[in-house]
């Protein structure tokens, strides 16, 4: 697995852990969700190119 995909997956795992917190402000939760969606899209794009 290329290093870039591994790095994005690590970021995504960290974001998912943060999203499990109950004390997040709604705008923080929205930002994390958008960032997670962008990470998933980037991983898919990179995987297609392999």
PDB file of N, CA and C in Angstrom:
ATOM      1  N   UNK A   1       0.856  -1.174   0.000  1.00  0.00           N
ATOM      2  CA  UNK A   1       0.000   0.000   0.000  1.00  0.00           C
ATOM      3  C   UNK A   1       0.903   1.238   0.000  1.00  0.00           C
ATOM      4  N   UNK A   2       0.663   2.131  -0.927  1.00  0.00           N
ATOM      5  CA  UNK A   2       1.503   3.321  -0.996  1.00  0.00           C
ATOM      6  C   UNK A   2       1.447   4.142   0.302  1.00  0.00           C
ATOM      7  N   UNK A   3       2.528   4.848   0.542  1.00  0.00           N
ATOM      8  CA  UNK A   3       2.640   5.642   1.771  1.00  0.00           C
ATOM      9  C   UNK A   3       1.546   6.695   1.871  1.00  0.00           C
ATOM     10  N   UNK A   4       1.162   7.288   0.758  1.00  0.00           N
ATOM     11  CA  UNK A   4       0.138   8.337   0.796  1.00  0.00           C
ATOM     12  C   UNK A   4      -1.200   7.783   1.286  1.00  0.00           C
ATOM     13  N   UNK A   5      -1.549   6.594   0.820  1.00  0.00           N
ATOM     14  CA  UNK A   5      -2.806   5.973   1.266  1.00  0.00           C
ATOM     15  C   UNK A   5      -2.723   5.620   2.746  1.00  0.00           C
ATOM     16  N   UNK A   6      -1.586   5.089   3.176  1.00  0.00           N
ATOM     17  CA  UNK A   6      -1.407   4.766   4.601  1.00  0.00           C
ATOM     18  C   UNK A   6      -1.558   6.014   5.449  1.00  0.00           C
ATOM     19  N   UNK A   7      -0.973   7.101   4.991  1.00  0.00           N
ATOM     20  CA  UNK A   7      -1.053   8.359   5.730  1.00  0.00           C
ATOM     21  C   UNK A   7      -2.505   8.844   5.816  1.00  0.00           C
ATOM     22  N   UNK A   8      -3.217   8.801   4.703  1.00  0.00           N
ATOM     23  CA  UNK A   8      -4.620   9.229   4.696  1.00  0.00           C
ATOM     24  C   UNK A   8      -5.477   8.329   5.579  1.00  0.00           C
ATOM     25  N   UNK A   9      -5.192   7.039   5.584  1.00  0.00           N
ATOM     26  CA  UNK A   9      -5.956   6.129   6.439  1.00  0.00           C
ATOM     27  C   UNK A   9      -5.700   6.412   7.905  1.00  0.00           C
ATOM     28  N   UNK A  10      -4.462   6.787   8.259  1.00  0.00           N
ATOM     29  CA  UNK A  10      -4.148   7.150   9.643  1.00  0.00           C
ATOM     30  C   UNK A  10      -4.892   8.419  10.041  1.00  0.00           C
ATOM     31  N   UNK A  11      -4.938   9.384   9.146  1.00  0.00           N
ATOM     32  CA  UNK A  11      -5.688  10.622   9.407  1.00  0.00           C
ATOM     33  C   UNK A  11      -7.164  10.293   9.590  1.00  0.00           C
ATOM     34  N   UNK A  12      -7.702   9.463   8.718  1.00  0.00           N
ATOM     35  CA  UNK A  12      -9.114   9.088   8.795  1.00  0.00           C
ATOM     36  C   UNK A  12      -9.422   8.378  10.115  1.00  0.00           C
ATOM     37  N   UNK A  13      -8.538   7.505  10.556  1.00  0.00           N
ATOM     38  CA  UNK A  13      -8.743   6.815  11.835  1.00  0.00           C
ATOM     39  C   UNK A  13      -8.763   7.811  12.991  1.00  0.00           C
ATOM     40  N   UNK A  14      -7.876   8.780  12.950  1.00  0.00           N
ATOM     41  CA  UNK A  14      -7.836   9.800  13.995  1.00  0.00           C
ATOM     42  C   UNK A  14      -9.118  10.633  13.998  1.00  0.00           C
ATOM     43  N   UNK A  15      -9.575  11.006  12.814  1.00  0.00           N
ATOM     44  CA  UNK A  15     -10.817  11.776  12.700  1.00  0.00           C
ATOM     45  C   UNK A  15     -11.983  10.966  13.253  1.00  0.00           C
ATOM     46  N   UNK A  16     -12.047   9.685  12.898  1.00  0.00           N
ATOM     47  CA  UNK A  16     -13.142   8.845  13.377  1.00  0.00           C
ATOM     48  C   UNK A  16     -13.146   8.750  14.902  1.00  0.00           C
ATOM     49  N   UNK A  17     -11.954   8.684  15.504  1.00  0.00           N
ATOM     50  CA  UNK A  17     -11.875   8.675  16.969  1.00  0.00           C
ATOM     51  C   UNK A  17     -12.415   9.980  17.546  1.00  0.00           C
ATOM     52  N   UNK A  18     -12.048  11.092  16.929  1.00  0.00           N
ATOM     53  CA  UNK A  18     -12.518  12.390  17.412  1.00  0.00           C
ATOM     54  C   UNK A  18     -14.032  12.515  17.264  1.00  0.00           C
ATOM     55  N   UNK A  19     -14.579  11.953  16.195  1.00  0.00           N
ATOM     56  CA  UNK A  19     -16.022  12.033  15.976  1.00  0.00           C
ATOM     57  C   UNK A  19     -16.809  11.236  17.013  1.00  0.00           C
ATOM     58  N   UNK A  20     -16.158  10.318  17.716  1.00  0.00           N
ATOM     59  CA  UNK A  20     -16.825   9.537  18.753  1.00  0.00           C
ATOM     60  C   UNK A  20     -17.054  10.346  20.029  1.00  0.00           C
ATOM     61  N   UNK A  21     -16.384  11.496  20.144  1.00  0.00           N
ATOM     62  CA  UNK A  21     -16.530  12.319  21.340  1.00  0.00           C
ATOM     63  C   UNK A  21     -17.905  12.974  21.360  1.00  0.00           C
ATOM     64  N   UNK A  22     -18.506  12.991  22.527  1.00  0.00           N
ATOM     65  CA  UNK A  22     -19.843  13.566  22.678  1.00  0.00           C
ATOM     66  C   UNK A  22     -19.833  15.069  22.888  1.00  0.00           C
ATOM     67  N   UNK A  23     -18.676  15.630  23.245  1.00  0.00           N
ATOM     68  CA  UNK A  23     -18.623  17.044  23.597  1.00  0.00           C
ATOM     69  C   UNK A  23     -18.168  17.956  22.457  1.00  0.00           C
ATOM     70  N   UNK A  24     -18.225  17.471  21.228  1.00  0.00           N
ATOM     71  CA  UNK A  24     -17.823  18.305  20.086  1.00  0.00           C
ATOM     72  C   UNK A  24     -18.888  19.347  19.771  1.00  0.00           C
ATOM     73  N   UNK A  25     -18.435  20.532  19.441  1.00  0.00           N
ATOM     74  CA  UNK A  25     -19.365  21.557  18.968  1.00  0.00           C
ATOM     75  C   UNK A  25     -19.877  21.136  17.592  1.00  0.00           C
ATOM     76  N   UNK A  26     -21.085  21.531  17.241  1.00  0.00           N
ATOM     77  CA  UNK A  26     -21.646  21.131  15.945  1.00  0.00           C
ATOM     78  C   UNK A  26     -20.772  21.542  14.762  1.00  0.00           C
ATOM     79  N   UNK A  27     -20.180  22.739  14.817  1.00  0.00           N
ATOM     80  CA  UNK A  27     -19.335  23.172  13.696  1.00  0.00           C
ATOM     81  C   UNK A  27     -18.045  22.362  13.616  1.00  0.00           C
ATOM     82  N   UNK A  28     -17.533  21.931  14.761  1.00  0.00           N
ATOM     83  CA  UNK A  28     -16.342  21.078  14.765  1.00  0.00           C
ATOM     84  C   UNK A  28     -16.685  19.703  14.190  1.00  0.00           C
ATOM     85  N   UNK A  29     -17.840  19.176  14.574  1.00  0.00           N
ATOM     86  CA  UNK A  29     -18.279  17.876  14.053  1.00  0.00           C
ATOM     87  C   UNK A  29     -18.465  17.950  12.529  1.00  0.00           C
ATOM     88  N   UNK A  30     -19.065  19.036  12.053  1.00  0.00           N
ATOM     89  CA  UNK A  30     -19.260  19.208  10.606  1.00  0.00           C
ATOM     90  C   UNK A  30     -17.925  19.277   9.873  1.00  0.00           C
ATOM     91  N   UNK A  31     -16.986  20.034  10.444  1.00  0.00           N
ATOM     92  CA  UNK A  31     -15.660  20.152   9.829  1.00  0.00           C
ATOM     93  C   UNK A  31     -14.967  18.793   9.763  1.00  0.00           C
ATOM     94  N   UNK A  32     -15.003  18.048  10.861  1.00  0.00           N
ATOM     95  CA  UNK A  32     -14.368  16.732  10.884  1.00  0.00           C
ATOM     96  C   UNK A  32     -15.035  15.788   9.885  1.00  0.00           C
ATOM     97  N   UNK A  33     -16.357  15.868   9.774  1.00  0.00           N
ATOM     98  CA  UNK A  33     -17.066  15.000   8.834  1.00  0.00           C
ATOM     99  C   UNK A  33     -16.682  15.331   7.390  1.00  0.00           C
ATOM    100  N   UNK A  34     -16.593  16.622   7.078  1.00  0.00           N
ATOM    101  CA  UNK A  34     -16.182  17.026   5.719  1.00  0.00           C
ATOM    102  C   UNK A  34     -14.755  16.576   5.432  1.00  0.00           C
ATOM    103  N   UNK A  35     -13.882  16.700   6.439  1.00  0.00           N
ATOM    104  CA  UNK A  35     -12.489  16.276   6.269  1.00  0.00           C
ATOM    105  C   UNK A  35     -12.408  14.767   6.072  1.00  0.00           C
ATOM    106  N   UNK A  36     -13.198  14.016   6.820  1.00  0.00           N
ATOM    107  CA  UNK A  36     -13.232  12.559   6.667  1.00  0.00           C
ATOM    108  C   UNK A  36     -13.730  12.188   5.270  1.00  0.00           C
ATOM    109  N   UNK A  37     -14.752  12.873   4.795  1.00  0.00           N
ATOM    110  CA  UNK A  37     -15.264  12.607   3.445  1.00  0.00           C
ATOM    111  C   UNK A  37     -14.188  12.882   2.400  1.00  0.00           C
ATOM    112  N   UNK A  38     -13.441  13.964   2.577  1.00  0.00           N
ATOM    113  CA  UNK A  38     -12.367  14.299   1.641  1.00  0.00           C
ATOM    114  C   UNK A  38     -11.260  13.244   1.680  1.00  0.00           C
ATOM    115  N   UNK A  39     -10.942  12.742   2.869  1.00  0.00           N
ATOM    116  CA  UNK A  39      -9.930  11.682   2.987  1.00  0.00           C
ATOM    117  C   UNK A  39     -10.392  10.416   2.271  1.00  0.00           C
ATOM    118  N   UNK A  40     -11.654  10.043   2.474  1.00  0.00           N
ATOM    119  CA  UNK A  40     -12.185   8.849   1.801  1.00  0.00           C
ATOM    120  C   UNK A  40     -12.127   9.011   0.285  1.00  0.00           C
ATOM    121  N   UNK A  41     -12.487  10.191  -0.210  1.00  0.00           N
ATOM    122  CA  UNK A  41     -12.455  10.441  -1.653  1.00  0.00           C
ATOM    123  C   UNK A  41     -11.021  10.374  -2.182  1.00  0.00           C
ATOM    124  N   UNK A  42     -10.085  10.939  -1.446  1.00  0.00           N
ATOM    125  CA  UNK A  42      -8.683  10.900  -1.868  1.00  0.00           C
ATOM    126  C   UNK A  42      -8.157   9.473  -1.879  1.00  0.00           C
ATOM    127  N   UNK A  43      -8.527   8.676  -0.872  1.00  0.00           N
ATOM    128  CA  UNK A  43      -8.100   7.273  -0.828  1.00  0.00           C
ATOM    129  C   UNK A  43      -8.666   6.520  -2.027  1.00  0.00           C
ATOM    130  N   UNK A  44      -9.952   6.739  -2.323  1.00  0.00           N
ATOM    131  CA  UNK A  44     -10.564   6.072  -3.486  1.00  0.00           C
ATOM    132  C   UNK A  44      -9.857   6.470  -4.779  1.00  0.00           C
ATOM    133  N   UNK A  45      -9.586   7.760  -4.943  1.00  0.00           N
ATOM    134  CA  UNK A  45      -8.917   8.238  -6.158  1.00  0.00           C
ATOM    135  C   UNK A  45      -7.530   7.623  -6.304  1.00  0.00           C
ATOM    136  N   UNK A  46      -6.794   7.565  -5.208  1.00  0.00           N
ATOM    137  CA  UNK A  46      -5.455   6.980  -5.256  1.00  0.00           C
ATOM    138  C   UNK A  46      -5.532   5.477  -5.544  1.00  0.00           C
ATOM    139  N   UNK A  47      -6.488   4.805  -4.942  1.00  0.00           N
ATOM    140  CA  UNK A  47      -6.621   3.359  -5.152  1.00  0.00           C
ATOM    141  C   UNK A  47      -6.980   3.041  -6.595  1.00  0.00           C
ATOM    142  N   UNK A  48      -7.778   3.886  -7.217  1.00  0.00           N
ATOM    143  CA  UNK A  48      -8.159   3.659  -8.622  1.00  0.00           C
ATOM    144  C   UNK A  48      -6.947   3.764  -9.522  1.00  0.00           C
ATOM    145  N   UNK A  49      -6.035   4.651  -9.161  1.00  0.00           N
ATOM    146  CA  UNK A  49      -4.828   4.851  -9.998  1.00  0.00           C
ATOM    147  C   UNK A  49      -3.823   3.729  -9.871  1.00  0.00           C
ATOM    148  N   UNK A  50      -3.968   2.873  -8.871  1.00  0.00           N
ATOM    149  CA  UNK A  50      -3.000   1.768  -8.692  1.00  0.00           C
ATOM    150  C   UNK A  50      -3.193   0.659  -9.688  1.00  0.00           C
TER     151      UNK A  50
END
